[in-house]
Each structure stands twice: as C-alpha cells, then as structure tokens.
N, C-alpha and C. Protein backbone atom coordinates (compact mmCIF):
# COMPACT_ATOMS: atom_id res chain seq x y z
N UNK A 1 24.05 93.27 69.15
CA UNK A 1 23.80 94.46 68.38
C UNK A 1 24.39 95.69 69.07
N UNK A 2 24.36 95.72 70.37
CA UNK A 2 24.90 96.86 71.09
C UNK A 2 26.38 97.02 70.83
N UNK A 3 27.10 95.91 70.74
CA UNK A 3 28.54 95.98 70.49
C UNK A 3 28.82 96.60 69.13
N UNK A 4 28.00 96.26 68.15
CA UNK A 4 28.19 96.80 66.81
C UNK A 4 27.94 98.31 66.81
N UNK A 5 26.92 98.76 67.53
CA UNK A 5 26.61 100.18 67.60
C UNK A 5 27.74 100.94 68.27
N UNK A 6 28.22 100.43 69.38
CA UNK A 6 29.30 101.10 70.10
C UNK A 6 30.55 101.14 69.25
N UNK A 7 30.86 100.06 68.55
CA UNK A 7 32.06 100.01 67.71
C UNK A 7 31.97 101.02 66.58
N UNK A 8 30.80 101.19 65.99
CA UNK A 8 30.67 102.13 64.89
C UNK A 8 30.74 103.57 65.38
N UNK A 9 30.34 103.83 66.62
CA UNK A 9 30.41 105.19 67.15
C UNK A 9 31.83 105.59 67.53
N UNK A 10 32.71 104.62 67.73
CA UNK A 10 34.07 104.92 68.14
C UNK A 10 34.97 105.26 66.96
N UNK A 11 34.46 105.27 65.77
CA UNK A 11 35.27 105.54 64.58
C UNK A 11 35.28 107.03 64.23
N UNK A 12 35.49 107.90 65.20
CA UNK A 12 35.68 109.31 64.92
C UNK A 12 34.49 110.19 65.21
N UNK A 13 33.30 109.87 64.74
CA UNK A 13 32.16 110.75 64.90
C UNK A 13 31.30 110.44 66.10
N UNK A 14 31.77 109.59 66.98
CA UNK A 14 30.97 109.16 68.11
C UNK A 14 30.72 110.22 69.16
N UNK A 15 31.60 111.19 69.25
CA UNK A 15 31.42 112.23 70.26
C UNK A 15 30.31 113.20 69.88
N UNK A 16 29.88 113.16 68.65
CA UNK A 16 28.83 114.05 68.18
C UNK A 16 27.45 113.44 68.36
N UNK A 17 27.37 112.21 68.86
CA UNK A 17 26.10 111.52 69.04
C UNK A 17 25.92 111.12 70.49
N UNK A 18 24.67 111.02 70.90
CA UNK A 18 24.35 110.59 72.26
C UNK A 18 23.21 109.60 72.21
N UNK A 19 23.22 108.67 73.15
CA UNK A 19 22.11 107.74 73.29
C UNK A 19 21.11 108.38 74.24
N UNK A 20 19.88 108.58 73.78
CA UNK A 20 18.85 109.22 74.59
C UNK A 20 17.73 108.23 74.85
N UNK A 21 17.16 108.33 76.03
CA UNK A 21 16.08 107.45 76.46
C UNK A 21 14.92 108.32 76.92
N UNK A 22 13.73 108.06 76.36
CA UNK A 22 12.55 108.84 76.69
C UNK A 22 11.46 107.91 77.21
N UNK A 23 10.77 108.33 78.24
CA UNK A 23 9.68 107.56 78.82
C UNK A 23 8.38 108.01 78.15
N UNK A 24 7.67 107.07 77.52
CA UNK A 24 6.46 107.38 76.76
C UNK A 24 5.33 106.51 77.27
N UNK A 25 4.15 107.08 77.41
CA UNK A 25 3.00 106.31 77.85
C UNK A 25 2.31 105.68 76.63
N UNK A 26 2.08 104.37 76.70
CA UNK A 26 1.45 103.65 75.60
C UNK A 26 -0.05 103.96 75.57
N UNK A 27 -0.57 104.24 74.38
CA UNK A 27 -1.99 104.53 74.25
C UNK A 27 -2.82 103.26 74.39
N UNK A 28 -2.27 102.12 73.98
CA UNK A 28 -2.99 100.85 74.04
C UNK A 28 -3.25 100.38 75.46
N UNK A 29 -2.16 100.23 76.22
CA UNK A 29 -2.29 99.62 77.54
C UNK A 29 -2.21 100.62 78.68
N UNK A 30 -1.73 101.81 78.42
CA UNK A 30 -1.57 102.80 79.46
C UNK A 30 -0.28 102.64 80.24
N UNK A 31 0.50 101.63 79.92
CA UNK A 31 1.78 101.40 80.61
C UNK A 31 2.84 102.31 80.01
N UNK A 32 3.90 102.50 80.75
CA UNK A 32 5.01 103.32 80.28
C UNK A 32 6.02 102.45 79.52
N UNK A 33 6.56 103.01 78.45
CA UNK A 33 7.50 102.32 77.59
C UNK A 33 8.71 103.23 77.39
N UNK A 34 9.89 102.64 77.39
CA UNK A 34 11.11 103.40 77.14
C UNK A 34 11.43 103.38 75.66
N UNK A 35 11.73 104.55 75.09
CA UNK A 35 12.13 104.68 73.70
C UNK A 35 13.59 105.10 73.69
N UNK A 36 14.45 104.30 73.05
CA UNK A 36 15.88 104.59 72.99
C UNK A 36 16.28 104.88 71.55
N UNK A 37 17.13 105.88 71.37
CA UNK A 37 17.67 106.19 70.06
C UNK A 37 19.06 106.79 70.22
N UNK A 38 19.84 106.69 69.18
CA UNK A 38 21.13 107.38 69.12
C UNK A 38 20.92 108.58 68.20
N UNK A 39 21.09 109.77 68.78
CA UNK A 39 20.72 111.02 68.11
C UNK A 39 21.94 111.93 68.06
N UNK A 40 22.05 112.71 67.01
CA UNK A 40 23.10 113.72 66.92
C UNK A 40 22.86 114.77 68.01
N UNK A 41 23.91 115.30 68.57
CA UNK A 41 23.79 116.24 69.68
C UNK A 41 22.99 117.48 69.35
N UNK A 42 22.92 117.88 68.10
CA UNK A 42 22.13 119.04 67.71
C UNK A 42 20.64 118.76 67.74
N UNK A 43 20.24 117.49 67.70
CA UNK A 43 18.83 117.13 67.60
C UNK A 43 18.25 116.54 68.89
N UNK A 44 18.95 116.66 70.00
CA UNK A 44 18.47 116.06 71.24
C UNK A 44 17.18 116.71 71.72
N UNK A 45 17.12 118.03 71.71
CA UNK A 45 15.91 118.72 72.18
C UNK A 45 14.71 118.39 71.30
N UNK A 46 14.92 118.26 70.00
CA UNK A 46 13.83 117.92 69.08
C UNK A 46 13.31 116.51 69.37
N UNK A 47 14.21 115.60 69.77
CA UNK A 47 13.80 114.24 70.10
C UNK A 47 12.85 114.24 71.30
N UNK A 48 13.17 115.04 72.32
CA UNK A 48 12.34 115.04 73.52
C UNK A 48 11.04 115.82 73.32
N UNK A 49 11.00 116.76 72.39
CA UNK A 49 9.77 117.51 72.13
C UNK A 49 8.78 116.68 71.32
N UNK A 50 9.29 115.92 70.36
CA UNK A 50 8.41 115.22 69.42
C UNK A 50 8.21 113.79 69.67
C-alpha cells in the first residue's frame, strides 16, 4: 500500500502534501499510539492541534 501512495503523490501534486506522524495517548490502555496521515501542507498545523 505504501508503494501505491508514494506513486500517486509523484504525479505532480506530491510536493503540496506531507506525511505527518503524531503521538497520541490511548484512553483505553494508556499506551502511546502513532497516528499517520498524508495532509496538505496548508493543514499541517490543524492536524497537530486537533
């Protein structure tokens, strides 16, 4: 699946997006979980706030 994502980002609009990773604490177990998303560069700060 990662190869498909990378290939689709290389078709022109890929420079406008970034892969962001956020560390979130799980309410169930209390352990930390990584949340990954591909976000448009204008929405990076909103991703980390919310």
